[in-house]
Each structure stands twice: as C-alpha cells, then as structure tokens.
N, C-alpha and C. Protein backbone atom coordinates (compact mmCIF):
# COMPACT_ATOMS: atom_id res chain seq x y z
N MET A 1 -10.97 -14.58 -7.77
CA MET A 1 -9.79 -13.83 -7.37
C MET A 1 -8.75 -14.81 -6.82
N GLU A 2 -7.53 -14.65 -7.24
CA GLU A 2 -6.43 -15.46 -6.75
C GLU A 2 -6.01 -14.90 -5.39
N LYS A 3 -6.37 -15.61 -4.34
CA LYS A 3 -6.07 -15.15 -2.99
C LYS A 3 -4.56 -14.98 -2.77
N GLY A 4 -3.76 -15.87 -3.32
CA GLY A 4 -2.31 -15.79 -3.16
C GLY A 4 -1.73 -14.54 -3.78
N ARG A 5 -2.20 -14.19 -4.97
CA ARG A 5 -1.69 -13.00 -5.65
C ARG A 5 -2.16 -11.73 -4.94
N MET A 6 -3.41 -11.73 -4.47
CA MET A 6 -3.93 -10.58 -3.74
C MET A 6 -3.13 -10.38 -2.46
N ASN A 7 -2.84 -11.46 -1.77
CA ASN A 7 -2.04 -11.38 -0.55
C ASN A 7 -0.64 -10.85 -0.85
N ALA A 8 -0.08 -11.27 -1.98
CA ALA A 8 1.25 -10.78 -2.37
C ALA A 8 1.21 -9.28 -2.64
N CYS A 9 0.13 -8.80 -3.26
CA CYS A 9 -0.03 -7.36 -3.50
C CYS A 9 -0.13 -6.61 -2.17
N GLU A 10 -0.91 -7.15 -1.23
CA GLU A 10 -1.04 -6.53 0.09
C GLU A 10 0.30 -6.48 0.80
N ARG A 11 1.05 -7.55 0.73
CA ARG A 11 2.36 -7.60 1.39
C ARG A 11 3.33 -6.61 0.77
N LEU A 12 3.28 -6.47 -0.54
CA LEU A 12 4.16 -5.52 -1.23
C LEU A 12 3.88 -4.10 -0.75
N VAL A 13 2.61 -3.71 -0.71
CA VAL A 13 2.25 -2.36 -0.27
C VAL A 13 2.63 -2.18 1.20
N ALA A 14 2.32 -3.17 2.03
CA ALA A 14 2.62 -3.08 3.46
C ALA A 14 4.13 -2.97 3.72
N ALA A 15 4.92 -3.78 3.05
CA ALA A 15 6.37 -3.75 3.25
C ALA A 15 6.96 -2.41 2.81
N THR A 16 6.45 -1.87 1.72
CA THR A 16 6.94 -0.59 1.23
C THR A 16 6.51 0.54 2.17
N LEU A 17 5.30 0.47 2.69
CA LEU A 17 4.82 1.45 3.66
C LEU A 17 5.72 1.43 4.90
N ILE A 18 6.07 0.26 5.38
CA ILE A 18 6.94 0.14 6.55
C ILE A 18 8.30 0.78 6.28
N GLU A 19 8.86 0.56 5.10
CA GLU A 19 10.15 1.17 4.76
C GLU A 19 10.07 2.70 4.85
N ILE A 20 9.01 3.26 4.31
CA ILE A 20 8.86 4.72 4.32
C ILE A 20 8.64 5.22 5.74
N MET A 21 7.84 4.53 6.52
CA MET A 21 7.61 4.94 7.90
C MET A 21 8.90 4.89 8.72
N LYS A 22 9.69 3.87 8.52
CA LYS A 22 10.96 3.76 9.24
C LYS A 22 11.91 4.88 8.84
N ALA A 23 11.96 5.22 7.56
CA ALA A 23 12.83 6.29 7.08
C ALA A 23 12.43 7.64 7.68
N LYS A 24 11.14 7.81 7.96
CA LYS A 24 10.64 9.04 8.58
C LYS A 24 10.81 9.03 10.10
N GLY A 25 11.26 7.91 10.64
CA GLY A 25 11.42 7.80 12.08
C GLY A 25 10.12 7.47 12.81
N GLU A 26 9.12 7.05 12.04
CA GLU A 26 7.84 6.66 12.63
C GLU A 26 7.96 5.24 13.16
N ILE A 27 7.23 4.96 14.21
CA ILE A 27 7.19 3.60 14.71
C ILE A 27 6.34 2.79 13.74
N ALA A 28 6.95 1.80 13.17
CA ALA A 28 6.25 1.00 12.17
C ALA A 28 5.77 -0.32 12.77
N LEU A 29 4.65 -0.75 12.30
CA LEU A 29 4.12 -2.05 12.69
C LEU A 29 4.81 -3.13 11.86
N GLN A 30 4.51 -4.35 12.15
CA GLN A 30 5.02 -5.45 11.37
C GLN A 30 4.16 -5.64 10.12
N GLU A 31 4.76 -6.10 9.06
CA GLU A 31 4.04 -6.34 7.81
C GLU A 31 2.83 -7.24 8.04
N ILE A 32 3.00 -8.28 8.80
CA ILE A 32 1.92 -9.23 9.04
C ILE A 32 0.73 -8.55 9.72
N ASP A 33 1.01 -7.63 10.64
CA ASP A 33 -0.06 -6.90 11.33
C ASP A 33 -0.85 -6.05 10.34
N LEU A 34 -0.14 -5.38 9.45
CA LEU A 34 -0.80 -4.52 8.47
C LEU A 34 -1.66 -5.31 7.49
N VAL A 35 -1.24 -6.51 7.17
CA VAL A 35 -1.96 -7.33 6.20
C VAL A 35 -3.13 -8.07 6.85
N GLU A 36 -2.95 -8.56 8.05
CA GLU A 36 -3.98 -9.39 8.68
C GLU A 36 -5.06 -8.59 9.40
N ASP A 37 -4.77 -7.39 9.82
CA ASP A 37 -5.75 -6.58 10.55
C ASP A 37 -6.57 -5.76 9.55
N GLU A 38 -7.85 -6.09 9.44
CA GLU A 38 -8.72 -5.43 8.46
C GLU A 38 -8.77 -3.91 8.65
N THR A 39 -8.77 -3.46 9.89
CA THR A 39 -8.81 -2.02 10.18
C THR A 39 -7.54 -1.34 9.68
N LEU A 40 -6.40 -1.93 9.95
CA LEU A 40 -5.13 -1.35 9.50
C LEU A 40 -5.01 -1.41 7.98
N ARG A 41 -5.48 -2.51 7.39
CA ARG A 41 -5.42 -2.67 5.93
C ARG A 41 -6.23 -1.58 5.23
N GLY A 42 -7.32 -1.13 5.85
CA GLY A 42 -8.17 -0.11 5.24
C GLY A 42 -7.90 1.30 5.72
N LYS A 43 -6.87 1.49 6.54
CA LYS A 43 -6.55 2.80 7.13
C LYS A 43 -5.89 3.71 6.11
N ASP A 44 -6.42 4.93 5.99
CA ASP A 44 -5.86 5.95 5.10
C ASP A 44 -4.40 6.20 5.48
N PHE A 45 -3.53 6.27 4.49
CA PHE A 45 -2.10 6.51 4.75
C PHE A 45 -1.87 7.79 5.54
N ALA A 46 -2.73 8.78 5.38
CA ALA A 46 -2.60 10.04 6.13
C ALA A 46 -2.68 9.76 7.63
N LEU A 47 -3.47 8.78 8.02
CA LEU A 47 -3.63 8.45 9.43
C LEU A 47 -2.44 7.68 10.00
N PHE A 48 -1.53 7.27 9.12
CA PHE A 48 -0.25 6.69 9.55
C PHE A 48 0.80 7.79 9.69
N GLY A 49 0.41 9.03 9.45
CA GLY A 49 1.34 10.14 9.57
C GLY A 49 2.07 10.49 8.28
N LEU A 50 1.59 9.99 7.16
CA LEU A 50 2.24 10.27 5.88
C LEU A 50 1.61 11.49 5.21
N SER A 51 2.44 12.26 4.56
CA SER A 51 1.98 13.43 3.80
C SER A 51 1.77 13.04 2.34
N SER A 52 1.24 13.97 1.57
CA SER A 52 1.03 13.69 0.15
C SER A 52 2.34 13.40 -0.57
N LEU A 53 3.43 14.02 -0.15
CA LEU A 53 4.73 13.70 -0.75
C LEU A 53 5.14 12.27 -0.43
N ASP A 54 4.83 11.84 0.78
CA ASP A 54 5.12 10.45 1.16
C ASP A 54 4.30 9.48 0.32
N TRP A 55 3.03 9.82 0.05
CA TRP A 55 2.18 8.95 -0.78
C TRP A 55 2.77 8.82 -2.17
N MET A 56 3.29 9.95 -2.70
CA MET A 56 3.87 9.90 -4.04
C MET A 56 5.12 9.01 -4.06
N GLU A 57 5.94 9.12 -3.01
CA GLU A 57 7.11 8.26 -2.93
C GLU A 57 6.68 6.79 -2.79
N LEU A 58 5.69 6.55 -1.96
CA LEU A 58 5.17 5.19 -1.79
C LEU A 58 4.65 4.64 -3.12
N ALA A 59 3.88 5.45 -3.82
CA ALA A 59 3.34 5.03 -5.11
C ALA A 59 4.45 4.71 -6.10
N SER A 60 5.46 5.56 -6.15
CA SER A 60 6.57 5.36 -7.07
C SER A 60 7.28 4.03 -6.79
N ARG A 61 7.55 3.78 -5.53
CA ARG A 61 8.23 2.54 -5.16
C ARG A 61 7.36 1.31 -5.45
N VAL A 62 6.09 1.41 -5.08
CA VAL A 62 5.17 0.27 -5.29
C VAL A 62 5.04 -0.02 -6.78
N GLU A 63 4.87 1.02 -7.60
CA GLU A 63 4.75 0.82 -9.05
C GLU A 63 6.00 0.16 -9.62
N LYS A 64 7.15 0.61 -9.17
CA LYS A 64 8.40 0.03 -9.66
C LYS A 64 8.52 -1.44 -9.28
N LEU A 65 8.19 -1.76 -8.03
CA LEU A 65 8.28 -3.15 -7.57
C LEU A 65 7.24 -4.05 -8.22
N ALA A 66 6.03 -3.50 -8.44
CA ALA A 66 4.93 -4.30 -9.00
C ALA A 66 4.97 -4.39 -10.52
N GLY A 67 5.61 -3.42 -11.15
CA GLY A 67 5.68 -3.43 -12.60
C GLY A 67 4.42 -2.94 -13.29
N VAL A 68 3.54 -2.29 -12.54
CA VAL A 68 2.31 -1.72 -13.09
C VAL A 68 2.09 -0.34 -12.46
N GLU A 69 1.23 0.45 -13.11
CA GLU A 69 0.91 1.77 -12.57
C GLU A 69 -0.35 1.71 -11.73
N LEU A 70 -0.34 2.49 -10.67
CA LEU A 70 -1.54 2.65 -9.84
C LEU A 70 -2.48 3.64 -10.50
N ASP A 71 -3.75 3.43 -10.34
CA ASP A 71 -4.76 4.37 -10.83
C ASP A 71 -4.65 5.66 -10.03
N ASP A 72 -4.86 6.81 -10.66
CA ASP A 72 -4.76 8.10 -9.98
C ASP A 72 -5.71 8.22 -8.78
N ALA A 73 -6.83 7.55 -8.83
CA ALA A 73 -7.83 7.65 -7.75
C ALA A 73 -7.26 7.20 -6.41
N VAL A 74 -6.29 6.29 -6.41
CA VAL A 74 -5.76 5.79 -5.14
C VAL A 74 -4.96 6.85 -4.39
N MET A 75 -4.57 7.90 -5.08
CA MET A 75 -3.85 8.99 -4.44
C MET A 75 -4.81 10.04 -3.89
N ILE A 76 -5.99 10.13 -4.44
CA ILE A 76 -6.92 11.21 -4.12
C ILE A 76 -7.98 10.79 -3.10
N ASP A 77 -8.53 9.63 -3.27
CA ASP A 77 -9.66 9.18 -2.47
C ASP A 77 -9.18 8.55 -1.15
N PRO A 78 -9.47 9.18 -0.01
CA PRO A 78 -9.01 8.63 1.27
C PRO A 78 -9.62 7.26 1.60
N GLU A 79 -10.73 6.92 0.95
CA GLU A 79 -11.35 5.62 1.19
C GLU A 79 -10.56 4.47 0.57
N ILE A 80 -9.76 4.79 -0.44
CA ILE A 80 -8.94 3.74 -1.08
C ILE A 80 -7.45 4.04 -1.01
N ARG A 81 -7.09 5.10 -0.30
CA ARG A 81 -5.67 5.45 -0.11
C ARG A 81 -5.18 4.64 1.09
N SER A 82 -5.08 3.34 0.86
CA SER A 82 -4.78 2.40 1.93
C SER A 82 -4.12 1.15 1.35
N ILE A 83 -3.68 0.29 2.23
CA ILE A 83 -3.11 -0.98 1.77
C ILE A 83 -4.15 -1.76 0.98
N ALA A 84 -5.37 -1.84 1.50
CA ALA A 84 -6.44 -2.58 0.81
C ALA A 84 -6.74 -1.97 -0.55
N GLY A 85 -6.87 -0.65 -0.60
CA GLY A 85 -7.20 0.04 -1.85
C GLY A 85 -6.10 -0.10 -2.89
N TRP A 86 -4.88 0.12 -2.46
CA TRP A 86 -3.76 0.04 -3.40
C TRP A 86 -3.53 -1.39 -3.87
N SER A 87 -3.63 -2.35 -2.97
CA SER A 87 -3.39 -3.73 -3.39
C SER A 87 -4.49 -4.21 -4.35
N ALA A 88 -5.72 -3.77 -4.14
CA ALA A 88 -6.80 -4.12 -5.08
C ALA A 88 -6.52 -3.52 -6.45
N CYS A 89 -6.03 -2.30 -6.46
CA CYS A 89 -5.69 -1.63 -7.72
C CYS A 89 -4.56 -2.39 -8.43
N LEU A 90 -3.54 -2.78 -7.68
CA LEU A 90 -2.45 -3.55 -8.26
C LEU A 90 -2.94 -4.87 -8.83
N TYR A 91 -3.79 -5.53 -8.07
CA TYR A 91 -4.36 -6.81 -8.50
C TYR A 91 -5.10 -6.66 -9.82
N ARG A 92 -5.98 -5.64 -9.89
CA ARG A 92 -6.75 -5.41 -11.12
C ARG A 92 -5.86 -5.08 -12.31
N ALA A 93 -4.72 -4.44 -12.04
CA ALA A 93 -3.78 -4.08 -13.11
C ALA A 93 -2.91 -5.26 -13.54
N GLY A 94 -3.03 -6.38 -12.85
CA GLY A 94 -2.28 -7.57 -13.25
C GLY A 94 -0.92 -7.70 -12.60
N ALA A 95 -0.69 -6.97 -11.52
CA ALA A 95 0.62 -7.04 -10.85
C ALA A 95 0.88 -8.43 -10.28
N LEU A 96 2.12 -8.79 -10.32
CA LEU A 96 2.59 -10.03 -9.71
C LEU A 96 1.94 -11.29 -10.26
N SER A 97 1.50 -11.20 -11.53
CA SER A 97 0.86 -12.40 -12.12
C SER A 97 1.85 -13.20 -12.91
C-alpha cells in the first residue's frame, strides 16, 4: 500500500467532512486531528452529527474531488461510514493515483 496516497485519501475525506460540518454550524476539528487520531478516523459520520442527507452530500463532493465513485456499502455500513472506511474505498478504487 502506498502510504502517501492513502494519507492523501484520508486528508481529502477529512477536509471535505470539515467543510460540511462548518456549513452546518458544527464545531469542526482540524484536518490533522481527524487523520492522526485512530478513534476519530474510524468514527461513524452519524456520531459527528451528520444525517443521511449530509452523508450523500459528503459522498458527492468526495467522489467529484477524487475522480472515482465510492462503493455503496460505505453509505450503509456504520463500521465503514467513516474517514478510514471511505479513504480505504477511495484507495482501492485508484483515487489520487
């Protein structure tokens, strides 16, 4: 696994999540915190206060920025509906290569 590309995928998801949280008026963490903290990286987006509509907006933005589509499972499964889950999906799809 290319650690640099995986980190770039994590940063992309984290930065986009922060944008959405700020737009909702939620207190957002720093991108570096979301990427470096294993607990936050694996935290279900619902636990950040996002609704399913927010996940869809997040997915749309991430897909557009990454140039690949996310697997449908990342929207449904709370175990992978996270920065870690989405960035792994992007990595496997060849994003940012």
